[in-house]
């Protein structure tokens, strides 16, 4: 019986729903280049099928990043309101 030598994390990526860079850019209201920078910085998870292929981003990762931005801005807004009082 042949065993799979790939990393289990790599295999799990293919089980998750993915979106394109363009879709993520529309969802986050940023440019596609910004989305790729987020991916490079590790803020969003994704993969390429081959070295020169299109990026596929993990949808849940994009949504989690967007939620973290909402929380960050909500906290910043509360802090600013306290300072102006």
PDB file of N, CA and C in Angstrom:
ATOM      1  N   UNK A   1       0.833  -1.170   0.000  1.00  0.00           N
ATOM      2  CA  UNK A   1       0.000   0.000   0.000  1.00  0.00           C
ATOM      3  C   UNK A   1       0.891   1.251   0.000  1.00  0.00           C
ATOM      4  N   UNK A   2       0.620   2.167  -0.915  1.00  0.00           N
ATOM      5  CA  UNK A   2       1.422   3.387  -1.031  1.00  0.00           C
ATOM      6  C   UNK A   2       0.902   4.434  -0.049  1.00  0.00           C
ATOM      7  N   UNK A   3       1.824   5.049   0.688  1.00  0.00           N
ATOM      8  CA  UNK A   3       1.419   6.110   1.620  1.00  0.00           C
ATOM      9  C   UNK A   3       1.694   7.460   0.976  1.00  0.00           C
ATOM     10  N   UNK A   4       0.920   8.443   1.375  1.00  0.00           N
ATOM     11  CA  UNK A   4       1.061   9.789   0.845  1.00  0.00           C
ATOM     12  C   UNK A   4       2.137  10.518   1.630  1.00  0.00           C
ATOM     13  N   UNK A   5       3.168  10.996   0.951  1.00  0.00           N
ATOM     14  CA  UNK A   5       4.286  11.654   1.631  1.00  0.00           C
ATOM     15  C   UNK A   5       4.080  13.149   1.808  1.00  0.00           C
ATOM     16  N   UNK A   6       2.929  13.681   1.360  1.00  0.00           N
ATOM     17  CA  UNK A   6       2.687  15.113   1.515  1.00  0.00           C
ATOM     18  C   UNK A   6       2.344  15.452   2.955  1.00  0.00           C
ATOM     19  N   UNK A   7       2.641  16.666   3.308  1.00  0.00           N
ATOM     20  CA  UNK A   7       2.332  17.207   4.623  1.00  0.00           C
ATOM     21  C   UNK A   7       0.807  17.220   4.815  1.00  0.00           C
ATOM     22  N   UNK A   8       0.299  16.765   5.967  1.00  0.00           N
ATOM     23  CA  UNK A   8      -1.155  16.780   6.207  1.00  0.00           C
ATOM     24  C   UNK A   8      -1.764  18.169   6.071  1.00  0.00           C
ATOM     25  N   UNK A   9      -1.009  19.216   6.408  1.00  0.00           N
ATOM     26  CA  UNK A   9      -1.512  20.575   6.253  1.00  0.00           C
ATOM     27  C   UNK A   9      -1.763  20.880   4.781  1.00  0.00           C
ATOM     28  N   UNK A  10      -0.863  20.436   3.907  1.00  0.00           N
ATOM     29  CA  UNK A  10      -1.047  20.638   2.472  1.00  0.00           C
ATOM     30  C   UNK A  10      -2.317  19.945   1.994  1.00  0.00           C
ATOM     31  N   UNK A  11      -2.542  18.746   2.444  1.00  0.00           N
ATOM     32  CA  UNK A  11      -3.721  17.997   2.023  1.00  0.00           C
ATOM     33  C   UNK A  11      -5.001  18.644   2.535  1.00  0.00           C
ATOM     34  N   UNK A  12      -4.960  19.218   3.742  1.00  0.00           N
ATOM     35  CA  UNK A  12      -6.162  19.820   4.308  1.00  0.00           C
ATOM     36  C   UNK A  12      -6.576  21.061   3.534  1.00  0.00           C
ATOM     37  N   UNK A  13      -5.644  21.754   2.874  1.00  0.00           N
ATOM     38  CA  UNK A  13      -5.988  22.946   2.097  1.00  0.00           C
ATOM     39  C   UNK A  13      -6.987  22.625   0.994  1.00  0.00           C
ATOM     40  N   UNK A  14      -6.864  21.463   0.401  1.00  0.00           N
ATOM     41  CA  UNK A  14      -7.731  21.107  -0.708  1.00  0.00           C
ATOM     42  C   UNK A  14      -9.149  20.755  -0.266  1.00  0.00           C
ATOM     43  N   UNK A  15      -9.361  20.609   1.025  1.00  0.00           N
ATOM     44  CA  UNK A  15     -10.683  20.277   1.540  1.00  0.00           C
ATOM     45  C   UNK A  15     -11.484  21.527   1.881  1.00  0.00           C
ATOM     46  N   UNK A  16     -10.813  22.674   1.920  1.00  0.00           N
ATOM     47  CA  UNK A  16     -11.468  23.914   2.294  1.00  0.00           C
ATOM     48  C   UNK A  16     -11.932  24.671   1.047  1.00  0.00           C
ATOM     49  N   UNK A  17     -13.011  25.444   1.211  1.00  0.00           N
ATOM     50  CA  UNK A  17     -13.525  26.250   0.110  1.00  0.00           C
ATOM     51  C   UNK A  17     -12.532  27.363  -0.209  1.00  0.00           C
ATOM     52  N   UNK A  18     -12.279  27.578  -1.494  1.00  0.00           N
ATOM     53  CA  UNK A  18     -11.318  28.589  -1.900  1.00  0.00           C
ATOM     54  C   UNK A  18     -11.991  29.648  -2.758  1.00  0.00           C
ATOM     55  N   UNK A  19     -11.333  30.813  -2.828  1.00  0.00           N
ATOM     56  CA  UNK A  19     -11.784  31.890  -3.697  1.00  0.00           C
ATOM     57  C   UNK A  19     -10.566  32.442  -4.430  1.00  0.00           C
ATOM     58  N   UNK A  20     -10.819  33.184  -5.496  1.00  0.00           N
ATOM     59  CA  UNK A  20      -9.727  33.776  -6.272  1.00  0.00           C
ATOM     60  C   UNK A  20      -9.245  35.057  -5.601  1.00  0.00           C
ATOM     61  N   UNK A  21      -8.108  35.538  -6.056  1.00  0.00           N
ATOM     62  CA  UNK A  21      -7.572  36.806  -5.560  1.00  0.00           C
ATOM     63  C   UNK A  21      -8.547  37.933  -5.879  1.00  0.00           C
ATOM     64  N   UNK A  22      -9.130  37.914  -7.065  1.00  0.00           N
ATOM     65  CA  UNK A  22     -10.103  38.937  -7.461  1.00  0.00           C
ATOM     66  C   UNK A  22     -11.304  38.951  -6.517  1.00  0.00           C
ATOM     67  N   UNK A  23     -11.833  37.770  -6.197  1.00  0.00           N
ATOM     68  CA  UNK A  23     -12.978  37.686  -5.293  1.00  0.00           C
ATOM     69  C   UNK A  23     -12.633  38.227  -3.911  1.00  0.00           C
ATOM     70  N   UNK A  24     -11.445  37.880  -3.424  1.00  0.00           N
ATOM     71  CA  UNK A  24     -11.010  38.368  -2.118  1.00  0.00           C
ATOM     72  C   UNK A  24     -10.854  39.885  -2.136  1.00  0.00           C
ATOM     73  N   UNK A  25     -10.320  40.429  -3.228  1.00  0.00           N
ATOM     74  CA  UNK A  25     -10.146  41.879  -3.350  1.00  0.00           C
ATOM     75  C   UNK A  25     -11.493  42.592  -3.298  1.00  0.00           C
ATOM     76  N   UNK A  26     -12.482  42.056  -3.989  1.00  0.00           N
ATOM     77  CA  UNK A  26     -13.823  42.648  -3.952  1.00  0.00           C
ATOM     78  C   UNK A  26     -14.414  42.573  -2.548  1.00  0.00           C
ATOM     79  N   UNK A  27     -14.248  41.454  -1.890  1.00  0.00           N
ATOM     80  CA  UNK A  27     -14.799  41.241  -0.548  1.00  0.00           C
ATOM     81  C   UNK A  27     -14.160  42.184   0.475  1.00  0.00           C
ATOM     82  N   UNK A  28     -12.839  42.373   0.370  1.00  0.00           N
ATOM     83  CA  UNK A  28     -12.104  43.199   1.333  1.00  0.00           C
ATOM     84  C   UNK A  28     -12.026  44.679   0.923  1.00  0.00           C
ATOM     85  N   UNK A  29     -12.503  45.002  -0.284  1.00  0.00           N
ATOM     86  CA  UNK A  29     -12.466  46.374  -0.810  1.00  0.00           C
ATOM     87  C   UNK A  29     -11.031  46.897  -0.918  1.00  0.00           C
ATOM     88  N   UNK A  30     -10.154  46.054  -1.449  1.00  0.00           N
ATOM     89  CA  UNK A  30      -8.762  46.426  -1.690  1.00  0.00           C
ATOM     90  C   UNK A  30      -8.381  45.933  -3.090  1.00  0.00           C
ATOM     91  N   UNK A  31      -7.190  46.276  -3.529  1.00  0.00           N
ATOM     92  CA  UNK A  31      -6.731  45.829  -4.846  1.00  0.00           C
ATOM     93  C   UNK A  31      -6.244  44.375  -4.780  1.00  0.00           C
ATOM     94  N   UNK A  32      -6.223  43.701  -5.937  1.00  0.00           N
ATOM     95  CA  UNK A  32      -5.672  42.341  -5.967  1.00  0.00           C
ATOM     96  C   UNK A  32      -4.215  42.291  -5.490  1.00  0.00           C
ATOM     97  N   UNK A  33      -3.430  43.319  -5.791  1.00  0.00           N
ATOM     98  CA  UNK A  33      -2.038  43.347  -5.330  1.00  0.00           C
ATOM     99  C   UNK A  33      -1.965  43.400  -3.801  1.00  0.00           C
ATOM    100  N   UNK A  34      -2.887  44.115  -3.180  1.00  0.00           N
ATOM    101  CA  UNK A  34      -2.925  44.184  -1.725  1.00  0.00           C
ATOM    102  C   UNK A  34      -3.259  42.814  -1.145  1.00  0.00           C
ATOM    103  N   UNK A  35      -4.182  42.110  -1.774  1.00  0.00           N
ATOM    104  CA  UNK A  35      -4.537  40.758  -1.321  1.00  0.00           C
ATOM    105  C   UNK A  35      -3.312  39.850  -1.403  1.00  0.00           C
ATOM    106  N   UNK A  36      -2.566  39.936  -2.490  1.00  0.00           N
ATOM    107  CA  UNK A  36      -1.361  39.111  -2.626  1.00  0.00           C
ATOM    108  C   UNK A  36      -0.321  39.484  -1.567  1.00  0.00           C
ATOM    109  N   UNK A  37      -0.248  40.756  -1.231  1.00  0.00           N
ATOM    110  CA  UNK A  37       0.679  41.177  -0.173  1.00  0.00           C
ATOM    111  C   UNK A  37       0.229  40.613   1.174  1.00  0.00           C
ATOM    112  N   UNK A  38      -1.066  40.636   1.439  1.00  0.00           N
ATOM    113  CA  UNK A  38      -1.592  40.035   2.675  1.00  0.00           C
ATOM    114  C   UNK A  38      -1.227  38.551   2.741  1.00  0.00           C
ATOM    115  N   UNK A  39      -1.333  37.869   1.605  1.00  0.00           N
ATOM    116  CA  UNK A  39      -1.012  36.448   1.568  1.00  0.00           C
ATOM    117  C   UNK A  39       0.474  36.243   1.822  1.00  0.00           C
ATOM    118  N   UNK A  40       1.298  37.083   1.213  1.00  0.00           N
ATOM    119  CA  UNK A  40       2.752  36.980   1.397  1.00  0.00           C
ATOM    120  C   UNK A  40       3.149  37.240   2.851  1.00  0.00           C
ATOM    121  N   UNK A  41       2.432  38.158   3.516  1.00  0.00           N
ATOM    122  CA  UNK A  41       2.715  38.495   4.912  1.00  0.00           C
ATOM    123  C   UNK A  41       2.128  37.479   5.891  1.00  0.00           C
ATOM    124  N   UNK A  42       1.373  36.511   5.365  1.00  0.00           N
ATOM    125  CA  UNK A  42       0.808  35.476   6.212  1.00  0.00           C
ATOM    126  C   UNK A  42      -0.512  35.857   6.856  1.00  0.00           C
ATOM    127  N   UNK A  43      -1.122  36.945   6.406  1.00  0.00           N
ATOM    128  CA  UNK A  43      -2.390  37.377   6.970  1.00  0.00           C
ATOM    129  C   UNK A  43      -3.562  36.575   6.412  1.00  0.00           C
ATOM    130  N   UNK A  44      -3.379  36.047   5.205  1.00  0.00           N
ATOM    131  CA  UNK A  44      -4.394  35.228   4.527  1.00  0.00           C
ATOM    132  C   UNK A  44      -3.697  33.973   4.014  1.00  0.00           C
ATOM    133  N   UNK A  45      -4.351  32.830   4.190  1.00  0.00           N
ATOM    134  CA  UNK A  45      -3.767  31.569   3.715  1.00  0.00           C
ATOM    135  C   UNK A  45      -4.237  31.269   2.293  1.00  0.00           C
ATOM    136  N   UNK A  46      -3.354  30.646   1.521  1.00  0.00           N
ATOM    137  CA  UNK A  46      -3.706  30.258   0.167  1.00  0.00           C
ATOM    138  C   UNK A  46      -2.633  29.364  -0.422  1.00  0.00           C
ATOM    139  N   UNK A  47      -2.840  28.967  -1.648  1.00  0.00           N
ATOM    140  CA  UNK A  47      -1.880  28.092  -2.319  1.00  0.00           C
ATOM    141  C   UNK A  47      -1.955  28.268  -3.830  1.00  0.00           C
ATOM    142  N   UNK A  48      -0.910  27.834  -4.494  1.00  0.00           N
ATOM    143  CA  UNK A  48      -0.863  27.769  -5.949  1.00  0.00           C
ATOM    144  C   UNK A  48      -0.844  26.304  -6.348  1.00  0.00           C
ATOM    145  N   UNK A  49      -1.544  25.985  -7.404  1.00  0.00           N
ATOM    146  CA  UNK A  49      -1.548  24.599  -7.874  1.00  0.00           C
ATOM    147  C   UNK A  49      -0.188  24.219  -8.452  1.00  0.00           C
ATOM    148  N   UNK A  50       0.491  25.174  -9.060  1.00  0.00           N
ATOM    149  CA  UNK A  50       1.855  24.956  -9.547  1.00  0.00           C
ATOM    150  C   UNK A  50       2.576  26.298  -9.492  1.00  0.00           C
ATOM    151  N   UNK A  51       3.867  26.295  -9.713  1.00  0.00           N
ATOM    152  CA  UNK A  51       4.715  27.468  -9.475  1.00  0.00           C
ATOM    153  C   UNK A  51       4.227  28.749 -10.148  1.00  0.00           C
ATOM    154  N   UNK A  52       3.733  28.677 -11.361  1.00  0.00           N
ATOM    155  CA  UNK A  52       3.312  29.875 -12.080  1.00  0.00           C
ATOM    156  C   UNK A  52       1.793  29.996 -12.166  1.00  0.00           C
ATOM    157  N   UNK A  53       1.099  29.249 -11.356  1.00  0.00           N
ATOM    158  CA  UNK A  53      -0.357  29.242 -11.419  1.00  0.00           C
ATOM    159  C   UNK A  53      -1.009  30.364 -10.617  1.00  0.00           C
ATOM    160  N   UNK A  54      -2.324  30.474 -10.764  1.00  0.00           N
ATOM    161  CA  UNK A  54      -3.108  31.449 -10.030  1.00  0.00           C
ATOM    162  C   UNK A  54      -3.183  31.052  -8.569  1.00  0.00           C
ATOM    163  N   UNK A  55      -3.264  32.034  -7.708  1.00  0.00           N
ATOM    164  CA  UNK A  55      -3.431  31.767  -6.286  1.00  0.00           C
ATOM    165  C   UNK A  55      -4.880  31.433  -5.992  1.00  0.00           C
ATOM    166  N   UNK A  56      -5.081  30.473  -5.107  1.00  0.00           N
ATOM    167  CA  UNK A  56      -6.397  30.161  -4.544  1.00  0.00           C
ATOM    168  C   UNK A  56      -6.287  30.469  -3.056  1.00  0.00           C
ATOM    169  N   UNK A  57      -7.202  31.246  -2.561  1.00  0.00           N
ATOM    170  CA  UNK A  57      -7.170  31.662  -1.165  1.00  0.00           C
ATOM    171  C   UNK A  57      -8.232  30.916  -0.377  1.00  0.00           C
ATOM    172  N   UNK A  58      -7.913  30.578   0.847  1.00  0.00           N
ATOM    173  CA  UNK A  58      -8.859  29.875   1.709  1.00  0.00           C
ATOM    174  C   UNK A  58      -9.919  30.889   2.151  1.00  0.00           C
ATOM    175  N   UNK A  59     -11.165  30.618   1.772  1.00  0.00           N
ATOM    176  CA  UNK A  59     -12.256  31.566   2.030  1.00  0.00           C
ATOM    177  C   UNK A  59     -12.377  31.899   3.518  1.00  0.00           C
ATOM    178  N   UNK A  60     -12.305  30.906   4.370  1.00  0.00           N
ATOM    179  CA  UNK A  60     -12.442  31.153   5.809  1.00  0.00           C
ATOM    180  C   UNK A  60     -11.314  32.037   6.324  1.00  0.00           C
ATOM    181  N   UNK A  61     -10.131  31.932   5.738  1.00  0.00           N
ATOM    182  CA  UNK A  61      -8.994  32.750   6.127  1.00  0.00           C
ATOM    183  C   UNK A  61      -9.237  34.218   5.775  1.00  0.00           C
ATOM    184  N   UNK A  62      -9.804  34.457   4.600  1.00  0.00           N
ATOM    185  CA  UNK A  62     -10.134  35.822   4.176  1.00  0.00           C
ATOM    186  C   UNK A  62     -11.191  36.412   5.108  1.00  0.00           C
ATOM    187  N   UNK A  63     -12.197  35.617   5.440  1.00  0.00           N
ATOM    188  CA  UNK A  63     -13.265  36.090   6.323  1.00  0.00           C
ATOM    189  C   UNK A  63     -12.746  36.357   7.738  1.00  0.00           C
ATOM    190  N   UNK A  64     -11.845  35.515   8.215  1.00  0.00           N
ATOM    191  CA  UNK A  64     -11.247  35.727   9.543  1.00  0.00           C
ATOM    192  C   UNK A  64     -10.411  37.012   9.559  1.00  0.00           C
ATOM    193  N   UNK A  65      -9.682  37.273   8.480  1.00  0.00           N
ATOM    194  CA  UNK A  65      -8.891  38.493   8.407  1.00  0.00           C
ATOM    195  C   UNK A  65      -9.804  39.723   8.417  1.00  0.00           C
ATOM    196  N   UNK A  66     -10.883  39.655   7.661  1.00  0.00           N
ATOM    197  CA  UNK A  66     -11.832  40.775   7.623  1.00  0.00           C
ATOM    198  C   UNK A  66     -12.435  41.020   9.005  1.00  0.00           C
ATOM    199  N   UNK A  67     -12.762  39.964   9.715  1.00  0.00           N
ATOM    200  CA  UNK A  67     -13.311  40.081  11.071  1.00  0.00           C
ATOM    201  C   UNK A  67     -12.284  40.697  12.024  1.00  0.00           C
ATOM    202  N   UNK A  68     -11.020  40.328  11.885  1.00  0.00           N
ATOM    203  CA  UNK A  68      -9.984  40.908  12.746  1.00  0.00           C
ATOM    204  C   UNK A  68      -9.845  42.408  12.482  1.00  0.00           C
ATOM    205  N   UNK A  69     -10.016  42.829  11.220  1.00  0.00           N
ATOM    206  CA  UNK A  69      -9.976  44.262  10.906  1.00  0.00           C
ATOM    207  C   UNK A  69     -11.145  44.995  11.551  1.00  0.00           C
ATOM    208  N   UNK A  70     -12.327  44.386  11.505  1.00  0.00           N
ATOM    209  CA  UNK A  70     -13.509  45.009  12.120  1.00  0.00           C
ATOM    210  C   UNK A  70     -13.282  45.225  13.616  1.00  0.00           C
ATOM    211  N   UNK A  71     -12.759  44.198  14.278  1.00  0.00           N
ATOM    212  CA  UNK A  71     -12.503  44.301  15.715  1.00  0.00           C
ATOM    213  C   UNK A  71     -11.462  45.368  16.007  1.00  0.00           C
ATOM    214  N   UNK A  72     -10.413  45.412  15.188  1.00  0.00           N
ATOM    215  CA  UNK A  72      -9.341  46.389  15.381  1.00  0.00           C
ATOM    216  C   UNK A  72      -9.880  47.814  15.244  1.00  0.00           C
ATOM    217  N   UNK A  73     -10.698  48.063  14.217  1.00  0.00           N
ATOM    218  CA  UNK A  73     -11.245  49.399  14.010  1.00  0.00           C
ATOM    219  C   UNK A  73     -12.279  49.751  15.071  1.00  0.00           C
ATOM    220  N   UNK A  74     -13.044  48.771  15.538  1.00  0.00           N
ATOM    221  CA  UNK A  74     -14.015  49.025  16.598  1.00  0.00           C
ATOM    222  C   UNK A  74     -13.305  49.440  17.882  1.00  0.00           C
ATOM    223  N   UNK A  75     -12.225  48.759  18.206  1.00  0.00           N
ATOM    224  CA  UNK A  75     -11.440  49.089  19.401  1.00  0.00           C
ATOM    225  C   UNK A  75     -10.804  50.465  19.253  1.00  0.00           C
ATOM    226  N   UNK A  76     -10.266  50.756  18.076  1.00  0.00           N
ATOM    227  CA  UNK A  76      -9.637  52.060  17.836  1.00  0.00           C
ATOM    228  C   UNK A  76     -10.679  53.170  17.943  1.00  0.00           C
ATOM    229  N   UNK A  77     -11.883  52.920  17.447  1.00  0.00           N
ATOM    230  CA  UNK A  77     -12.954  53.914  17.533  1.00  0.00           C
ATOM    231  C   UNK A  77     -13.376  54.194  18.960  1.00  0.00           C
ATOM    232  N   UNK A  78     -13.478  53.142  19.765  1.00  0.00           N
ATOM    233  CA  UNK A  78     -13.833  53.316  21.184  1.00  0.00           C
ATOM    234  C   UNK A  78     -12.763  54.101  21.924  1.00  0.00           C
ATOM    235  N   UNK A  79     -11.499  53.794  21.649  1.00  0.00           N
ATOM    236  CA  UNK A  79     -10.396  54.496  22.292  1.00  0.00           C
ATOM    237  C   UNK A  79     -10.382  55.976  21.909  1.00  0.00           C
ATOM    238  N   UNK A  80     -10.662  56.275  20.654  1.00  0.00           N
ATOM    239  CA  UNK A  80     -10.689  57.663  20.193  1.00  0.00           C
ATOM    240  C   UNK A  80     -11.833  58.418  20.837  1.00  0.00           C
ATOM    241  N   UNK A  81     -12.986  57.758  21.015  1.00  0.00           N
ATOM    242  CA  UNK A  81     -14.139  58.399  21.651  1.00  0.00           C
ATOM    243  C   UNK A  81     -13.839  58.716  23.120  1.00  0.00           C
ATOM    244  N   UNK A  82     -13.132  57.821  23.792  1.00  0.00           N
ATOM    245  CA  UNK A  82     -12.768  58.049  25.194  1.00  0.00           C
ATOM    246  C   UNK A  82     -11.835  59.249  25.337  1.00  0.00           C
ATOM    247  N   UNK A  83     -10.881  59.360  24.413  1.00  0.00           N
ATOM    248  CA  UNK A  83      -9.919  60.457  24.485  1.00  0.00           C
ATOM    249  C   UNK A  83     -10.584  61.809  24.234  1.00  0.00           C
ATOM    250  N   UNK A  84     -11.602  61.845  23.380  1.00  0.00           N
ATOM    251  CA  UNK A  84     -12.238  63.112  23.056  1.00  0.00           C
ATOM    252  C   UNK A  84     -13.285  63.537  24.087  1.00  0.00           C
ATOM    253  N   UNK A  85     -13.612  62.652  25.030  1.00  0.00           N
ATOM    254  CA  UNK A  85     -14.605  62.979  26.065  1.00  0.00           C
ATOM    255  C   UNK A  85     -14.014  63.835  27.152  1.00  0.00           C
TER     256      UNK A  85
END
